[in-house]
Amino acid sequence: TLLADSVKGRFTGSKDNVQNTVYLQMSSLKPEDTANYYCAATDRSCY
C-alpha cells in the first residue's frame, strides 16, 4: 500500500477478495481529515 505522508501511521488499506471489497481504516482522525472520500480503480499500477 502506498500512503500519502499526511496519513502515514494513521490510515491503512486492505483488500478482501472474498467479499470483493476494499477497506480504508482510519484512526487518530483530525478535523483536517474532513472530506468526501472516494475509491477508484485502475488496471494499470499504483505507480
All heavy atoms as atom14 arrays in JSON, in Angstrom:
{
  "sequence": "TLLADSVKGRFTGSKDNVQNTVYLQMSSLKPEDTANYYCAATDRSCY",
  "atom14_mask": [
    [1, 1, 1, 1, 1, 1, 1, 0, 0, 0, 0, 0, 0, 0],
    [1, 1, 1, 1, 1, 1, 1, 1, 0, 0, 0, 0, 0, 0],
    [1, 1, 1, 1, 1, 1, 1, 1, 0, 0, 0, 0, 0, 0],
    [1, 1, 1, 1, 1, 0, 0, 0, 0, 0, 0, 0, 0, 0],
    [1, 1, 1, 1, 1, 1, 1, 1, 0, 0, 0, 0, 0, 0],
    [1, 1, 1, 1, 1, 1, 0, 0, 0, 0, 0, 0, 0, 0],
    [1, 1, 1, 1, 1, 1, 1, 0, 0, 0, 0, 0, 0, 0],
    [1, 1, 1, 1, 1, 1, 1, 1, 1, 0, 0, 0, 0, 0],
    [1, 1, 1, 1, 0, 0, 0, 0, 0, 0, 0, 0, 0, 0],
    [1, 1, 1, 1, 1, 1, 1, 1, 1, 1, 1, 0, 0, 0],
    [1, 1, 1, 1, 1, 1, 1, 1, 1, 1, 1, 0, 0, 0],
    [1, 1, 1, 1, 1, 1, 1, 0, 0, 0, 0, 0, 0, 0],
    [1, 1, 1, 1, 0, 0, 0, 0, 0, 0, 0, 0, 0, 0],
    [1, 1, 1, 1, 1, 1, 0, 0, 0, 0, 0, 0, 0, 0],
    [1, 1, 1, 1, 1, 1, 1, 1, 1, 0, 0, 0, 0, 0],
    [1, 1, 1, 1, 1, 1, 1, 1, 0, 0, 0, 0, 0, 0],
    [1, 1, 1, 1, 1, 1, 1, 1, 0, 0, 0, 0, 0, 0],
    [1, 1, 1, 1, 1, 1, 1, 0, 0, 0, 0, 0, 0, 0],
    [1, 1, 1, 1, 1, 1, 1, 1, 1, 0, 0, 0, 0, 0],
    [1, 1, 1, 1, 1, 1, 1, 1, 0, 0, 0, 0, 0, 0],
    [1, 1, 1, 1, 1, 1, 1, 0, 0, 0, 0, 0, 0, 0],
    [1, 1, 1, 1, 1, 1, 1, 0, 0, 0, 0, 0, 0, 0],
    [1, 1, 1, 1, 1, 1, 1, 1, 1, 1, 1, 1, 0, 0],
    [1, 1, 1, 1, 1, 1, 1, 1, 0, 0, 0, 0, 0, 0],
    [1, 1, 1, 1, 1, 1, 1, 1, 1, 0, 0, 0, 0, 0],
    [1, 1, 1, 1, 1, 1, 1, 1, 0, 0, 0, 0, 0, 0],
    [1, 1, 1, 1, 1, 1, 0, 0, 0, 0, 0, 0, 0, 0],
    [1, 1, 1, 1, 1, 1, 0, 0, 0, 0, 0, 0, 0, 0],
    [1, 1, 1, 1, 1, 1, 1, 1, 0, 0, 0, 0, 0, 0],
    [1, 1, 1, 1, 1, 1, 1, 1, 1, 0, 0, 0, 0, 0],
    [1, 1, 1, 1, 1, 1, 1, 0, 0, 0, 0, 0, 0, 0],
    [1, 1, 1, 1, 1, 1, 1, 1, 1, 0, 0, 0, 0, 0],
    [1, 1, 1, 1, 1, 1, 1, 1, 0, 0, 0, 0, 0, 0],
    [1, 1, 1, 1, 1, 1, 1, 0, 0, 0, 0, 0, 0, 0],
    [1, 1, 1, 1, 1, 0, 0, 0, 0, 0, 0, 0, 0, 0],
    [1, 1, 1, 1, 1, 1, 1, 1, 0, 0, 0, 0, 0, 0],
    [1, 1, 1, 1, 1, 1, 1, 1, 1, 1, 1, 1, 0, 0],
    [1, 1, 1, 1, 1, 1, 1, 1, 1, 1, 1, 1, 0, 0],
    [1, 1, 1, 1, 1, 1, 0, 0, 0, 0, 0, 0, 0, 0],
    [1, 1, 1, 1, 1, 0, 0, 0, 0, 0, 0, 0, 0, 0],
    [1, 1, 1, 1, 1, 0, 0, 0, 0, 0, 0, 0, 0, 0],
    [1, 1, 1, 1, 1, 1, 1, 0, 0, 0, 0, 0, 0, 0],
    [1, 1, 1, 1, 1, 1, 1, 1, 0, 0, 0, 0, 0, 0],
    [1, 1, 1, 1, 1, 1, 1, 1, 1, 1, 1, 0, 0, 0],
    [1, 1, 1, 1, 1, 1, 0, 0, 0, 0, 0, 0, 0, 0],
    [1, 1, 1, 1, 1, 1, 0, 0, 0, 0, 0, 0, 0, 0],
    [1, 1, 1, 1, 1, 1, 1, 1, 1, 1, 1, 1, 0, 0]
  ],
  "atom14_positions": [
    [[0.85, -1.19, 0.0], [0.0, 0.0, 0.0], [0.88, 1.23, 0.0], [1.78, 1.36, 0.84], [-0.91, 0.02, 1.23], [-1.73, -1.16, 1.25], [-1.83, 1.25, 1.2], [0.0, 0.0, 0.0], [0.0, 0.0, 0.0], [0.0, 0.0, 0.0], [0.0, 0.0, 0.0], [0.0, 0.0, 0.0], [0.0, 0.0, 0.0], [0.0, 0.0, 0.0]],
    [[0.63, 2.12, -0.93], [1.34, 3.39, -0.98], [0.51, 4.43, -0.23], [-0.67, 4.6, -0.51], [1.54, 3.84, -2.43], [2.16, 2.81, -3.38], [2.32, 3.4, -4.77], [3.49, 2.31, -2.85], [0.0, 0.0, 0.0], [0.0, 0.0, 0.0], [0.0, 0.0, 0.0], [0.0, 0.0, 0.0], [0.0, 0.0, 0.0], [0.0, 0.0, 0.0]],
    [[1.12, 5.1, 0.73], [0.39, 6.02, 1.6], [0.88, 7.44, 1.41], [2.08, 7.69, 1.28], [0.61, 5.64, 3.07], [-0.08, 4.37, 3.56], [0.65, 3.81, 4.76], [-1.52, 4.67, 3.91], [0.0, 0.0, 0.0], [0.0, 0.0, 0.0], [0.0, 0.0, 0.0], [0.0, 0.0, 0.0], [0.0, 0.0, 0.0], [0.0, 0.0, 0.0]],
    [[-0.06, 8.38, 1.46], [0.31, 9.79, 1.5], [0.96, 10.1, 2.84], [0.58, 9.52, 3.87], [-0.92, 10.66, 1.3], [0.0, 0.0, 0.0], [0.0, 0.0, 0.0], [0.0, 0.0, 0.0], [0.0, 0.0, 0.0], [0.0, 0.0, 0.0], [0.0, 0.0, 0.0], [0.0, 0.0, 0.0], [0.0, 0.0, 0.0], [0.0, 0.0, 0.0]],
    [[1.9, 11.02, 2.84], [2.59, 11.38, 4.09], [1.61, 11.85, 5.16], [1.81, 11.6, 6.35], [3.62, 12.48, 3.82], [4.83, 11.96, 3.05], [5.03, 10.73, 3.0], [5.55, 12.79, 2.48], [0.0, 0.0, 0.0], [0.0, 0.0, 0.0], [0.0, 0.0, 0.0], [0.0, 0.0, 0.0], [0.0, 0.0, 0.0], [0.0, 0.0, 0.0]],
    [[0.54, 12.5, 4.72], [-0.41, 13.08, 5.67], [-1.18, 12.03, 6.47], [-1.79, 12.36, 7.49], [-1.41, 13.98, 4.94], [-2.09, 13.24, 3.93], [0.0, 0.0, 0.0], [0.0, 0.0, 0.0], [0.0, 0.0, 0.0], [0.0, 0.0, 0.0], [0.0, 0.0, 0.0], [0.0, 0.0, 0.0], [0.0, 0.0, 0.0], [0.0, 0.0, 0.0]],
    [[-1.16, 10.78, 6.02], [-1.94, 9.74, 6.72], [-1.08, 8.57, 7.2], [-1.61, 7.63, 7.8], [-3.08, 9.21, 5.82], [-3.98, 10.36, 5.38], [-2.55, 8.44, 4.63], [0.0, 0.0, 0.0], [0.0, 0.0, 0.0], [0.0, 0.0, 0.0], [0.0, 0.0, 0.0], [0.0, 0.0, 0.0], [0.0, 0.0, 0.0], [0.0, 0.0, 0.0]],
    [[0.21, 8.62, 6.96], [1.08, 7.52, 7.39], [1.0, 7.35, 8.9], [1.03, 8.32, 9.66], [2.52, 7.8, 6.97], [2.79, 7.48, 5.51], [4.24, 7.75, 5.14], [4.48, 7.44, 3.67], [5.85, 7.78, 3.24], [0.0, 0.0, 0.0], [0.0, 0.0, 0.0], [0.0, 0.0, 0.0], [0.0, 0.0, 0.0], [0.0, 0.0, 0.0]],
    [[0.87, 6.11, 9.32], [0.76, 5.81, 10.75], [-0.66, 5.92, 11.28], [-0.91, 5.57, 12.44], [0.0, 0.0, 0.0], [0.0, 0.0, 0.0], [0.0, 0.0, 0.0], [0.0, 0.0, 0.0], [0.0, 0.0, 0.0], [0.0, 0.0, 0.0], [0.0, 0.0, 0.0], [0.0, 0.0, 0.0], [0.0, 0.0, 0.0], [0.0, 0.0, 0.0]],
    [[-1.58, 6.41, 10.47], [-2.97, 6.57, 10.92], [-3.96, 5.8, 10.06], [-4.97, 5.3, 10.56], [-3.36, 8.05, 10.92], [-2.49, 8.93, 11.8], [-3.06, 10.34, 11.94], [-3.16, 11.03, 10.66], [-4.3, 11.52, 10.16], [-5.42, 11.4, 10.83], [-4.3, 12.15, 9.0], [0.0, 0.0, 0.0], [0.0, 0.0, 0.0], [0.0, 0.0, 0.0]],
    [[-3.71, 5.72, 8.76], [-4.64, 5.07, 7.84], [-4.0, 3.8, 7.28], [-2.78, 3.75, 7.04], [-4.97, 5.99, 6.66], [-5.83, 7.18, 6.98], [-6.06, 7.59, 8.27], [-6.39, 7.91, 5.94], [-6.85, 8.69, 8.54], [-7.17, 9.01, 6.19], [-7.4, 9.42, 7.5], [0.0, 0.0, 0.0], [0.0, 0.0, 0.0], [0.0, 0.0, 0.0]],
    [[-4.82, 2.8, 7.06], [-4.36, 1.6, 6.35], [-5.43, 1.18, 5.34], [-6.61, 1.5, 5.5], [-4.12, 0.42, 7.31], [-5.33, 0.14, 8.03], [-3.01, 0.73, 8.31], [0.0, 0.0, 0.0], [0.0, 0.0, 0.0], [0.0, 0.0, 0.0], [0.0, 0.0, 0.0], [0.0, 0.0, 0.0], [0.0, 0.0, 0.0], [0.0, 0.0, 0.0]],
    [[-4.98, 0.46, 4.34], [-5.89, -0.03, 3.33], [-5.78, -1.54, 3.22], [-4.73, -2.11, 3.5], [0.0, 0.0, 0.0], [0.0, 0.0, 0.0], [0.0, 0.0, 0.0], [0.0, 0.0, 0.0], [0.0, 0.0, 0.0], [0.0, 0.0, 0.0], [0.0, 0.0, 0.0], [0.0, 0.0, 0.0], [0.0, 0.0, 0.0], [0.0, 0.0, 0.0]],
    [[-6.86, -2.17, 2.81], [-6.83, -3.62, 2.63], [-7.86, -4.04, 1.58], [-8.84, -3.34, 1.33], [-7.12, -4.34, 3.95], [-8.4, -4.0, 4.44], [0.0, 0.0, 0.0], [0.0, 0.0, 0.0], [0.0, 0.0, 0.0], [0.0, 0.0, 0.0], [0.0, 0.0, 0.0], [0.0, 0.0, 0.0], [0.0, 0.0, 0.0], [0.0, 0.0, 0.0]],
    [[-7.57, -5.19, 0.99], [-8.48, -5.79, 0.01], [-9.0, -7.09, 0.58], [-8.25, -7.88, 1.15], [-7.74, -6.11, -1.29], [-7.52, -4.99, -2.25], [-6.91, -5.56, -3.54], [-6.66, -4.52, -4.59], [-6.15, -5.13, -5.84], [0.0, 0.0, 0.0], [0.0, 0.0, 0.0], [0.0, 0.0, 0.0], [0.0, 0.0, 0.0], [0.0, 0.0, 0.0]],
    [[-10.29, -7.34, 0.4], [-10.89, -8.63, 0.73], [-11.41, -9.22, -0.57], [-12.47, -8.82, -1.06], [-12.02, -8.43, 1.75], [-12.61, -9.75, 2.23], [-12.56, -10.74, 1.48], [-13.14, -9.77, 3.35], [0.0, 0.0, 0.0], [0.0, 0.0, 0.0], [0.0, 0.0, 0.0], [0.0, 0.0, 0.0], [0.0, 0.0, 0.0], [0.0, 0.0, 0.0]],
    [[-10.65, -10.14, -1.12], [-11.03, -10.7, -2.42], [-12.27, -11.58, -2.33], [-13.0, -11.73, -3.32], [-9.87, -11.49, -3.01], [-8.69, -10.61, -3.39], [-8.87, -9.43, -3.69], [-7.5, -11.16, -3.35], [0.0, 0.0, 0.0], [0.0, 0.0, 0.0], [0.0, 0.0, 0.0], [0.0, 0.0, 0.0], [0.0, 0.0, 0.0], [0.0, 0.0, 0.0]],
    [[-12.54, -12.15, -1.16], [-13.75, -12.97, -0.99], [-15.0, -12.09, -1.03], [-15.98, -12.39, -1.71], [-13.68, -13.77, 0.32], [-14.99, -14.5, 0.58], [-12.5, -14.72, 0.3], [0.0, 0.0, 0.0], [0.0, 0.0, 0.0], [0.0, 0.0, 0.0], [0.0, 0.0, 0.0], [0.0, 0.0, 0.0], [0.0, 0.0, 0.0], [0.0, 0.0, 0.0]],
    [[-14.94, -10.99, -0.27], [-16.07, -10.05, -0.24], [-16.05, -9.11, -1.44], [-17.02, -8.37, -1.64], [-16.03, -9.23, 1.06], [-16.19, -10.04, 2.33], [-17.56, -10.69, 2.43], [-18.55, -10.12, 2.0], [-17.6, -11.89, 2.98], [0.0, 0.0, 0.0], [0.0, 0.0, 0.0], [0.0, 0.0, 0.0], [0.0, 0.0, 0.0], [0.0, 0.0, 0.0]],
    [[-14.96, -9.13, -2.2], [-14.79, -8.21, -3.34], [-14.96, -6.76, -2.88], [-15.65, -5.95, -3.52], [-15.76, -8.53, -4.47], [-15.19, -8.14, -5.83], [-13.98, -8.14, -6.04], [-16.06, -7.82, -6.77], [0.0, 0.0, 0.0], [0.0, 0.0, 0.0], [0.0, 0.0, 0.0], [0.0, 0.0, 0.0], [0.0, 0.0, 0.0], [0.0, 0.0, 0.0]],
    [[-14.32, -6.46, -1.77], [-14.45, -5.15, -1.13], [-13.07, -4.66, -0.7], [-12.21, -5.45, -0.32], [-15.38, -5.26, 0.09], [-16.67, -5.69, -0.34], [-15.53, -3.91, 0.8], [0.0, 0.0, 0.0], [0.0, 0.0, 0.0], [0.0, 0.0, 0.0], [0.0, 0.0, 0.0], [0.0, 0.0, 0.0], [0.0, 0.0, 0.0], [0.0, 0.0, 0.0]],
    [[-12.92, -3.36, -0.77], [-11.67, -2.72, -0.34], [-12.01, -1.8, 0.83], [-13.06, -1.14, 0.83], [-11.03, -1.93, -1.49], [-9.75, -1.27, -1.04], [-10.78, -2.85, -2.67], [0.0, 0.0, 0.0], [0.0, 0.0, 0.0], [0.0, 0.0, 0.0], [0.0, 0.0, 0.0], [0.0, 0.0, 0.0], [0.0, 0.0, 0.0], [0.0, 0.0, 0.0]],
    [[-11.13, -1.76, 1.81], [-11.38, -1.01, 3.03], [-10.35, 0.09, 3.24], [-9.19, -0.04, 2.84], [-11.37, -1.93, 4.24], [-12.41, -3.02, 4.17], [-12.08, -4.31, 3.78], [-13.74, -2.74, 4.49], [-13.04, -5.31, 3.71], [-14.71, -3.74, 4.41], [-14.35, -5.01, 4.02], [-15.3, -6.0, 3.95], [0.0, 0.0, 0.0], [0.0, 0.0, 0.0]],
    [[-10.79, 1.15, 3.88], [-9.91, 2.2, 4.36], [-10.16, 2.32, 5.85], [-11.23, 2.76, 6.27], [-10.19, 3.53, 3.65], [-9.43, 4.74, 4.19], [-7.93, 4.56, 3.97], [-9.9, 6.03, 3.5], [0.0, 0.0, 0.0], [0.0, 0.0, 0.0], [0.0, 0.0, 0.0], [0.0, 0.0, 0.0], [0.0, 0.0, 0.0], [0.0, 0.0, 0.0]],
    [[-9.19, 1.91, 6.63], [-9.28, 2.02, 8.09], [-8.58, 3.3, 8.52], [-7.39, 3.48, 8.25], [-8.63, 0.81, 8.77], [-8.66, 0.87, 10.28], [-10.07, 0.74, 10.84], [-10.8, -0.18, 10.47], [-10.44, 1.65, 11.74], [0.0, 0.0, 0.0], [0.0, 0.0, 0.0], [0.0, 0.0, 0.0], [0.0, 0.0, 0.0], [0.0, 0.0, 0.0]],
    [[-9.31, 4.16, 9.17], [-8.78, 5.46, 9.59], [-8.8, 5.54, 11.1], [-9.82, 5.23, 11.73], [-9.62, 6.58, 8.99], [-9.76, 6.51, 7.47], [-10.68, 7.9, 6.78], [-12.31, 7.54, 7.41], [0.0, 0.0, 0.0], [0.0, 0.0, 0.0], [0.0, 0.0, 0.0], [0.0, 0.0, 0.0], [0.0, 0.0, 0.0], [0.0, 0.0, 0.0]],
    [[-7.7, 5.97, 11.67], [-7.64, 6.16, 13.12], [-6.96, 7.48, 13.43], [-6.38, 8.12, 12.54], [-6.9, 4.99, 13.77], [-5.58, 4.89, 13.28], [0.0, 0.0, 0.0], [0.0, 0.0, 0.0], [0.0, 0.0, 0.0], [0.0, 0.0, 0.0], [0.0, 0.0, 0.0], [0.0, 0.0, 0.0], [0.0, 0.0, 0.0], [0.0, 0.0, 0.0]],
    [[-7.01, 7.87, 14.69], [-6.45, 9.16, 15.12], [-6.9, 10.28, 14.19], [-6.08, 11.1, 13.74], [-4.92, 9.09, 15.16], [-4.49, 8.07, 16.03], [0.0, 0.0, 0.0], [0.0, 0.0, 0.0], [0.0, 0.0, 0.0], [0.0, 0.0, 0.0], [0.0, 0.0, 0.0], [0.0, 0.0, 0.0], [0.0, 0.0, 0.0], [0.0, 0.0, 0.0]],
    [[-8.17, 10.3, 13.92], [-8.7, 11.26, 12.95], [-8.58, 12.69, 13.44], [-8.71, 12.97, 14.65], [-10.15, 10.92, 12.62], [-10.29, 9.74, 11.64], [-11.69, 9.16, 11.71], [-9.97, 10.19, 10.23], [0.0, 0.0, 0.0], [0.0, 0.0, 0.0], [0.0, 0.0, 0.0], [0.0, 0.0, 0.0], [0.0, 0.0, 0.0], [0.0, 0.0, 0.0]],
    [[-8.35, 13.58, 12.49], [-8.18, 15.01, 12.77], [-9.23, 15.79, 11.99], [-9.72, 15.31, 10.96], [-6.78, 15.46, 12.31], [-5.64, 14.65, 12.88], [-4.31, 15.08, 12.26], [-3.16, 14.24, 12.77], [-1.86, 14.64, 12.15], [0.0, 0.0, 0.0], [0.0, 0.0, 0.0], [0.0, 0.0, 0.0], [0.0, 0.0, 0.0], [0.0, 0.0, 0.0]],
    [[-9.54, 16.99, 12.45], [-10.51, 17.8, 11.7], [-10.09, 18.0, 10.23], [-10.97, 18.06, 9.35], [-10.52, 19.12, 12.47], [-10.18, 18.72, 13.87], [-9.19, 17.6, 13.73], [0.0, 0.0, 0.0], [0.0, 0.0, 0.0], [0.0, 0.0, 0.0], [0.0, 0.0, 0.0], [0.0, 0.0, 0.0], [0.0, 0.0, 0.0], [0.0, 0.0, 0.0]],
    [[-8.81, 18.05, 9.97], [-8.36, 18.25, 8.59], [-8.55, 17.01, 7.72], [-8.3, 17.06, 6.51], [-6.89, 18.71, 8.55], [-5.94, 17.86, 9.34], [-5.67, 18.42, 10.73], [-6.63, 18.88, 11.39], [-4.48, 18.39, 11.15], [0.0, 0.0, 0.0], [0.0, 0.0, 0.0], [0.0, 0.0, 0.0], [0.0, 0.0, 0.0], [0.0, 0.0, 0.0]],
    [[-8.97, 15.9, 8.3], [-9.32, 14.71, 7.51], [-10.74, 14.8, 6.96], [-11.16, 13.94, 6.18], [-9.2, 13.44, 8.36], [-7.78, 13.15, 8.79], [-6.87, 13.29, 7.96], [-7.59, 12.77, 9.97], [0.0, 0.0, 0.0], [0.0, 0.0, 0.0], [0.0, 0.0, 0.0], [0.0, 0.0, 0.0], [0.0, 0.0, 0.0], [0.0, 0.0, 0.0]],
    [[-11.47, 15.82, 7.36], [-12.83, 16.01, 6.86], [-12.82, 16.21, 5.35], [-12.11, 17.08, 4.83], [-13.48, 17.22, 7.54], [-13.62, 16.96, 8.93], [-14.84, 17.52, 6.93], [0.0, 0.0, 0.0], [0.0, 0.0, 0.0], [0.0, 0.0, 0.0], [0.0, 0.0, 0.0], [0.0, 0.0, 0.0], [0.0, 0.0, 0.0], [0.0, 0.0, 0.0]],
    [[-13.59, 15.37, 4.65], [-13.62, 15.41, 3.19], [-14.61, 14.38, 2.67], [-15.07, 13.52, 3.42], [-12.24, 15.11, 2.61], [0.0, 0.0, 0.0], [0.0, 0.0, 0.0], [0.0, 0.0, 0.0], [0.0, 0.0, 0.0], [0.0, 0.0, 0.0], [0.0, 0.0, 0.0], [0.0, 0.0, 0.0], [0.0, 0.0, 0.0], [0.0, 0.0, 0.0]],
    [[-14.91, 14.49, 1.39], [-15.55, 13.39, 0.69], [-14.46, 12.4, 0.3], [-13.43, 12.79, -0.27], [-16.26, 13.88, -0.56], [-17.65, 14.41, -0.26], [-18.49, 13.67, 0.26], [-17.9, 15.66, -0.57], [0.0, 0.0, 0.0], [0.0, 0.0, 0.0], [0.0, 0.0, 0.0], [0.0, 0.0, 0.0], [0.0, 0.0, 0.0], [0.0, 0.0, 0.0]],
    [[-14.7, 11.14, 0.61], [-13.74, 10.08, 0.32], [-14.26, 9.21, -0.83], [-15.42, 8.79, -0.82], [-13.5, 9.22, 1.56], [-12.59, 9.9, 2.56], [-13.04, 10.97, 3.33], [-11.27, 9.48, 2.72], [-12.19, 11.61, 4.23], [-10.41, 10.11, 3.62], [-10.88, 11.16, 4.37], [-10.05, 11.8, 5.27], [0.0, 0.0, 0.0], [0.0, 0.0, 0.0]],
    [[-13.38, 8.95, -1.76], [-13.72, 8.19, -2.95], [-12.77, 7.01, -3.11], [-11.57, 7.14, -2.83], [-13.59, 9.05, -4.2], [-14.41, 10.31, -4.2], [-13.92, 11.48, -3.64], [-15.68, 10.33, -4.78], [-14.67, 12.64, -3.64], [-16.43, 11.49, -4.8], [-15.92, 12.64, -4.22], [-16.68, 13.78, -4.23], [0.0, 0.0, 0.0], [0.0, 0.0, 0.0]],
    [[-13.29, 5.89, -3.58], [-12.4, 4.83, -4.04], [-12.41, 4.84, -5.57], [-13.38, 5.27, -6.2], [-12.79, 3.45, -3.49], [-14.41, 2.85, -3.96], [0.0, 0.0, 0.0], [0.0, 0.0, 0.0], [0.0, 0.0, 0.0], [0.0, 0.0, 0.0], [0.0, 0.0, 0.0], [0.0, 0.0, 0.0], [0.0, 0.0, 0.0], [0.0, 0.0, 0.0]],
    [[-11.32, 4.37, -6.13], [-11.17, 4.35, -7.58], [-10.25, 3.2, -7.96], [-9.45, 2.74, -7.14], [-10.62, 5.68, -8.08], [0.0, 0.0, 0.0], [0.0, 0.0, 0.0], [0.0, 0.0, 0.0], [0.0, 0.0, 0.0], [0.0, 0.0, 0.0], [0.0, 0.0, 0.0], [0.0, 0.0, 0.0], [0.0, 0.0, 0.0], [0.0, 0.0, 0.0]],
    [[-10.35, 2.79, -9.21], [-9.61, 1.61, -9.67], [-8.94, 1.86, -11.0], [-9.43, 2.63, -11.83], [-10.55, 0.42, -9.78], [0.0, 0.0, 0.0], [0.0, 0.0, 0.0], [0.0, 0.0, 0.0], [0.0, 0.0, 0.0], [0.0, 0.0, 0.0], [0.0, 0.0, 0.0], [0.0, 0.0, 0.0], [0.0, 0.0, 0.0], [0.0, 0.0, 0.0]],
    [[-7.82, 1.17, -11.2], [-7.15, 1.14, -12.49], [-6.6, -0.26, -12.72], [-6.19, -0.92, -11.76], [-6.02, 2.18, -12.57], [-5.39, 2.08, -13.85], [-4.97, 1.95, -11.5], [0.0, 0.0, 0.0], [0.0, 0.0, 0.0], [0.0, 0.0, 0.0], [0.0, 0.0, 0.0], [0.0, 0.0, 0.0], [0.0, 0.0, 0.0], [0.0, 0.0, 0.0]],
    [[-6.56, -0.69, -13.99], [-5.93, -1.96, -14.29], [-4.45, -1.77, -14.58], [-3.75, -2.74, -14.91], [-6.64, -2.68, -15.45], [-6.62, -1.88, -16.74], [-6.04, -0.78, -16.76], [-7.2, -2.37, -17.73], [0.0, 0.0, 0.0], [0.0, 0.0, 0.0], [0.0, 0.0, 0.0], [0.0, 0.0, 0.0], [0.0, 0.0, 0.0], [0.0, 0.0, 0.0]],
    [[-3.96, -0.56, -14.42], [-2.53, -0.3, -14.52], [-1.93, -0.46, -13.11], [-2.21, -1.43, -12.42], [-2.28, 1.09, -15.11], [-2.72, 1.2, -16.59], [-2.4, 2.56, -17.17], [-3.17, 3.59, -16.52], [-4.43, 3.92, -16.85], [-5.03, 3.29, -17.83], [-5.06, 4.88, -16.22], [0.0, 0.0, 0.0], [0.0, 0.0, 0.0], [0.0, 0.0, 0.0]],
    [[-1.12, 0.47, -12.69], [-0.38, 0.32, -11.44], [-0.6, 1.53, -10.56], [-0.87, 2.63, -11.05], [1.1, 0.14, -11.75], [1.9, 0.37, -10.61], [0.0, 0.0, 0.0], [0.0, 0.0, 0.0], [0.0, 0.0, 0.0], [0.0, 0.0, 0.0], [0.0, 0.0, 0.0], [0.0, 0.0, 0.0], [0.0, 0.0, 0.0], [0.0, 0.0, 0.0]],
    [[-0.44, 1.34, -9.26], [-0.45, 2.48, -8.35], [0.67, 3.47, -8.71], [0.57, 4.67, -8.4], [-0.24, 2.03, -6.91], [-1.65, 1.19, -6.17], [0.0, 0.0, 0.0], [0.0, 0.0, 0.0], [0.0, 0.0, 0.0], [0.0, 0.0, 0.0], [0.0, 0.0, 0.0], [0.0, 0.0, 0.0], [0.0, 0.0, 0.0], [0.0, 0.0, 0.0]],
    [[1.7, 2.98, -9.35], [2.81, 3.85, -9.7], [2.52, 4.66, -10.97], [3.26, 5.57, -11.31], [4.08, 3.02, -9.87], [4.54, 2.41, -8.56], [4.21, 1.1, -8.22], [5.29, 3.16, -7.65], [4.62, 0.56, -7.01], [5.7, 2.61, -6.44], [5.35, 1.32, -6.14], [5.76, 0.78, -4.94], [0.0, 0.0, 0.0], [0.0, 0.0, 0.0]]
  ]
}
